[in-house]
Amino acid sequence: MHLPLTIERNDDGYLASCPLVEGAFAEGDTIEEAVFHCLDVLKMIFAYRRERGEPVLQPELLEELKIRQKISFTIPLEV
C-alpha cells in the first residue's frame, strides 16, 4: 500500500500528515523526525481500526489532495 504524506513547515519545525487517514499527523524538529512520528501514528491508527473492523482509509478526502498546494510523496507501508 502506498499512502501520500504531506510535509509542511510550521513554527517549531515540520508537520507530516497523511490526508487519506483521519487523525494521521505528527510534528518533528526535522522532516525525517516528522515523517517517522507520522508513521508511528499511522501504525497505531491502523491497529486500532482493524481491531474494531472500521475502514482504515478515508477515500472521500481524495479531492482535497487536488486542492492543496504542498509537496506530497508516497511511501511504502506494510500493513
N, C-alpha and C. Protein backbone atom coordinates (compact mmCIF):
# COMPACT_ATOMS: atom_id res chain seq x y z
N MET A 1 0.84 -1.17 0.00
CA MET A 1 0.00 0.00 0.00
C MET A 1 0.89 1.24 0.00
N HIS A 2 0.53 2.21 -0.82
CA HIS A 2 1.25 3.48 -0.86
C HIS A 2 0.29 4.58 -0.44
N LEU A 3 0.73 5.39 0.51
CA LEU A 3 -0.09 6.48 1.01
C LEU A 3 0.62 7.81 0.80
N PRO A 4 -0.13 8.87 0.47
CA PRO A 4 0.50 10.18 0.34
C PRO A 4 0.81 10.77 1.71
N LEU A 5 1.94 11.42 1.82
CA LEU A 5 2.30 12.17 3.03
C LEU A 5 2.53 13.61 2.60
N THR A 6 2.08 14.53 3.41
CA THR A 6 2.29 15.94 3.16
C THR A 6 3.19 16.49 4.25
N ILE A 7 4.19 17.26 3.86
CA ILE A 7 5.12 17.86 4.81
C ILE A 7 4.95 19.38 4.73
N GLU A 8 4.75 20.00 5.88
CA GLU A 8 4.62 21.46 5.94
C GLU A 8 5.57 22.00 7.00
N ARG A 9 6.08 23.16 6.75
CA ARG A 9 6.90 23.85 7.75
C ARG A 9 5.93 24.52 8.72
N ASN A 10 6.21 24.42 10.01
CA ASN A 10 5.41 25.16 10.99
C ASN A 10 6.34 25.95 11.90
N ASP A 11 5.82 26.58 12.91
CA ASP A 11 6.61 27.46 13.78
C ASP A 11 7.79 26.75 14.44
N ASP A 12 7.57 25.52 14.87
CA ASP A 12 8.59 24.81 15.65
C ASP A 12 9.36 23.76 14.86
N GLY A 13 9.08 23.59 13.60
CA GLY A 13 9.76 22.55 12.82
C GLY A 13 8.92 22.16 11.62
N TYR A 14 8.46 20.91 11.61
CA TYR A 14 7.73 20.37 10.47
C TYR A 14 6.52 19.58 10.93
N LEU A 15 5.50 19.55 10.08
CA LEU A 15 4.30 18.77 10.32
C LEU A 15 4.14 17.79 9.16
N ALA A 16 4.05 16.51 9.47
CA ALA A 16 3.80 15.49 8.46
C ALA A 16 2.38 14.98 8.67
N SER A 17 1.65 14.82 7.58
CA SER A 17 0.29 14.31 7.69
C SER A 17 -0.03 13.40 6.51
N CYS A 18 -0.97 12.51 6.74
CA CYS A 18 -1.48 11.62 5.69
C CYS A 18 -2.95 11.96 5.51
N PRO A 19 -3.30 12.72 4.48
CA PRO A 19 -4.66 13.22 4.31
C PRO A 19 -5.71 12.14 4.08
N LEU A 20 -5.32 10.93 3.72
CA LEU A 20 -6.30 9.87 3.49
C LEU A 20 -6.68 9.14 4.77
N VAL A 21 -5.99 9.43 5.87
CA VAL A 21 -6.29 8.76 7.14
C VAL A 21 -6.57 9.84 8.18
N GLU A 22 -7.81 9.90 8.62
CA GLU A 22 -8.20 10.91 9.60
C GLU A 22 -7.37 10.79 10.88
N GLY A 23 -6.81 11.90 11.32
CA GLY A 23 -6.03 11.92 12.55
C GLY A 23 -4.57 11.54 12.40
N ALA A 24 -4.13 11.29 11.18
CA ALA A 24 -2.74 10.86 10.95
C ALA A 24 -1.86 12.07 10.67
N PHE A 25 -1.29 12.62 11.73
CA PHE A 25 -0.35 13.72 11.60
C PHE A 25 0.58 13.73 12.80
N ALA A 26 1.76 14.31 12.62
CA ALA A 26 2.74 14.39 13.70
C ALA A 26 3.73 15.49 13.39
N GLU A 27 4.34 16.02 14.44
CA GLU A 27 5.33 17.08 14.30
C GLU A 27 6.72 16.55 14.59
N GLY A 28 7.71 17.29 14.12
CA GLY A 28 9.10 16.95 14.40
C GLY A 28 9.99 18.16 14.17
N ASP A 29 11.16 18.14 14.78
CA ASP A 29 12.12 19.23 14.59
C ASP A 29 12.71 19.21 13.18
N THR A 30 12.77 18.01 12.58
CA THR A 30 13.28 17.84 11.22
C THR A 30 12.21 17.15 10.38
N ILE A 31 12.40 17.17 9.07
CA ILE A 31 11.47 16.47 8.18
C ILE A 31 11.46 14.99 8.51
N GLU A 32 12.63 14.41 8.69
CA GLU A 32 12.73 12.98 8.98
C GLU A 32 12.00 12.62 10.27
N GLU A 33 12.18 13.43 11.29
CA GLU A 33 11.52 13.16 12.57
C GLU A 33 10.00 13.24 12.43
N ALA A 34 9.51 14.23 11.71
CA ALA A 34 8.07 14.36 11.50
C ALA A 34 7.52 13.15 10.74
N VAL A 35 8.24 12.70 9.71
CA VAL A 35 7.79 11.54 8.93
C VAL A 35 7.76 10.29 9.80
N PHE A 36 8.81 10.05 10.56
CA PHE A 36 8.85 8.85 11.40
C PHE A 36 7.76 8.88 12.48
N HIS A 37 7.51 10.05 13.05
CA HIS A 37 6.44 10.16 14.04
C HIS A 37 5.08 9.89 13.39
N CYS A 38 4.90 10.40 12.18
CA CYS A 38 3.65 10.20 11.46
C CYS A 38 3.46 8.71 11.13
N LEU A 39 4.53 8.03 10.76
CA LEU A 39 4.44 6.59 10.50
C LEU A 39 4.00 5.84 11.76
N ASP A 40 4.52 6.23 12.90
CA ASP A 40 4.11 5.60 14.16
C ASP A 40 2.62 5.83 14.41
N VAL A 41 2.16 7.04 14.16
CA VAL A 41 0.74 7.35 14.33
C VAL A 41 -0.11 6.52 13.38
N LEU A 42 0.32 6.39 12.12
CA LEU A 42 -0.41 5.57 11.15
C LEU A 42 -0.52 4.13 11.61
N LYS A 43 0.55 3.58 12.12
CA LYS A 43 0.53 2.19 12.60
C LYS A 43 -0.47 2.03 13.74
N MET A 44 -0.50 2.99 14.66
CA MET A 44 -1.44 2.93 15.78
C MET A 44 -2.90 3.04 15.30
N ILE A 45 -3.14 3.95 14.36
CA ILE A 45 -4.48 4.13 13.83
C ILE A 45 -4.93 2.86 13.12
N PHE A 46 -4.07 2.29 12.28
CA PHE A 46 -4.42 1.07 11.55
C PHE A 46 -4.75 -0.07 12.51
N ALA A 47 -3.94 -0.25 13.53
CA ALA A 47 -4.16 -1.33 14.50
C ALA A 47 -5.49 -1.10 15.23
N TYR A 48 -5.75 0.12 15.65
CA TYR A 48 -6.97 0.46 16.37
C TYR A 48 -8.20 0.18 15.50
N ARG A 49 -8.17 0.66 14.27
CA ARG A 49 -9.32 0.49 13.38
C ARG A 49 -9.51 -0.96 12.97
N ARG A 50 -8.42 -1.67 12.77
CA ARG A 50 -8.51 -3.09 12.41
C ARG A 50 -9.18 -3.89 13.54
N GLU A 51 -8.81 -3.59 14.77
CA GLU A 51 -9.41 -4.28 15.92
C GLU A 51 -10.92 -4.08 15.97
N ARG A 52 -11.39 -2.93 15.54
CA ARG A 52 -12.81 -2.61 15.60
C ARG A 52 -13.55 -2.86 14.29
N GLY A 53 -12.86 -3.35 13.28
CA GLY A 53 -13.48 -3.62 12.00
C GLY A 53 -13.88 -2.37 11.23
N GLU A 54 -13.23 -1.24 11.53
CA GLU A 54 -13.53 0.02 10.86
C GLU A 54 -12.65 0.19 9.62
N PRO A 55 -13.12 0.97 8.63
CA PRO A 55 -12.27 1.24 7.46
C PRO A 55 -11.06 2.08 7.86
N VAL A 56 -9.92 1.78 7.28
CA VAL A 56 -8.68 2.48 7.62
C VAL A 56 -8.56 3.78 6.84
N LEU A 57 -8.82 3.74 5.55
CA LEU A 57 -8.64 4.92 4.70
C LEU A 57 -9.92 5.73 4.55
N GLN A 58 -9.77 7.00 4.28
CA GLN A 58 -10.88 7.91 4.06
C GLN A 58 -10.86 8.37 2.60
N PRO A 59 -11.38 7.55 1.68
CA PRO A 59 -11.28 7.89 0.25
C PRO A 59 -11.97 9.18 -0.15
N GLU A 60 -12.95 9.63 0.64
CA GLU A 60 -13.64 10.88 0.29
C GLU A 60 -12.71 12.09 0.39
N LEU A 61 -11.54 11.92 0.99
CA LEU A 61 -10.58 13.02 1.10
C LEU A 61 -9.67 13.13 -0.12
N LEU A 62 -9.84 12.27 -1.10
CA LEU A 62 -9.01 12.33 -2.31
C LEU A 62 -9.11 13.67 -3.02
N GLU A 63 -10.31 14.25 -3.08
CA GLU A 63 -10.50 15.54 -3.74
C GLU A 63 -9.69 16.63 -3.06
N GLU A 64 -9.57 16.55 -1.75
CA GLU A 64 -8.81 17.56 -1.01
C GLU A 64 -7.34 17.57 -1.43
N LEU A 65 -6.82 16.43 -1.81
CA LEU A 65 -5.44 16.35 -2.26
C LEU A 65 -5.19 17.18 -3.50
N LYS A 66 -6.18 17.26 -4.37
CA LYS A 66 -6.03 18.02 -5.60
C LYS A 66 -5.99 19.53 -5.33
N ILE A 67 -6.58 19.96 -4.23
CA ILE A 67 -6.68 21.38 -3.92
C ILE A 67 -5.41 21.90 -3.24
N ARG A 68 -4.76 21.09 -2.44
CA ARG A 68 -3.62 21.53 -1.64
C ARG A 68 -2.43 21.89 -2.52
N GLN A 69 -1.71 22.92 -2.12
CA GLN A 69 -0.52 23.36 -2.83
C GLN A 69 0.70 23.08 -1.97
N LYS A 70 0.95 21.83 -1.68
CA LYS A 70 2.06 21.43 -0.82
C LYS A 70 2.79 20.27 -1.48
N ILE A 71 3.99 20.03 -1.02
CA ILE A 71 4.76 18.90 -1.52
C ILE A 71 4.21 17.62 -0.91
N SER A 72 3.91 16.64 -1.76
CA SER A 72 3.43 15.35 -1.29
C SER A 72 4.24 14.25 -1.94
N PHE A 73 4.36 13.14 -1.24
CA PHE A 73 5.02 11.99 -1.81
C PHE A 73 4.41 10.74 -1.20
N THR A 74 4.60 9.61 -1.88
CA THR A 74 4.07 8.36 -1.35
C THR A 74 5.18 7.56 -0.71
N ILE A 75 4.79 6.79 0.28
CA ILE A 75 5.75 5.95 0.99
C ILE A 75 5.21 4.53 1.04
N PRO A 76 6.07 3.53 0.96
CA PRO A 76 5.58 2.16 1.12
C PRO A 76 5.30 1.90 2.59
N LEU A 77 4.18 1.23 2.86
CA LEU A 77 3.79 0.94 4.23
C LEU A 77 3.28 -0.48 4.30
N GLU A 78 3.88 -1.27 5.11
CA GLU A 78 3.47 -2.65 5.25
C GLU A 78 2.37 -2.74 6.31
N VAL A 79 1.22 -3.27 5.92
CA VAL A 79 0.10 -3.37 6.85
C VAL A 79 -0.18 -4.81 7.17
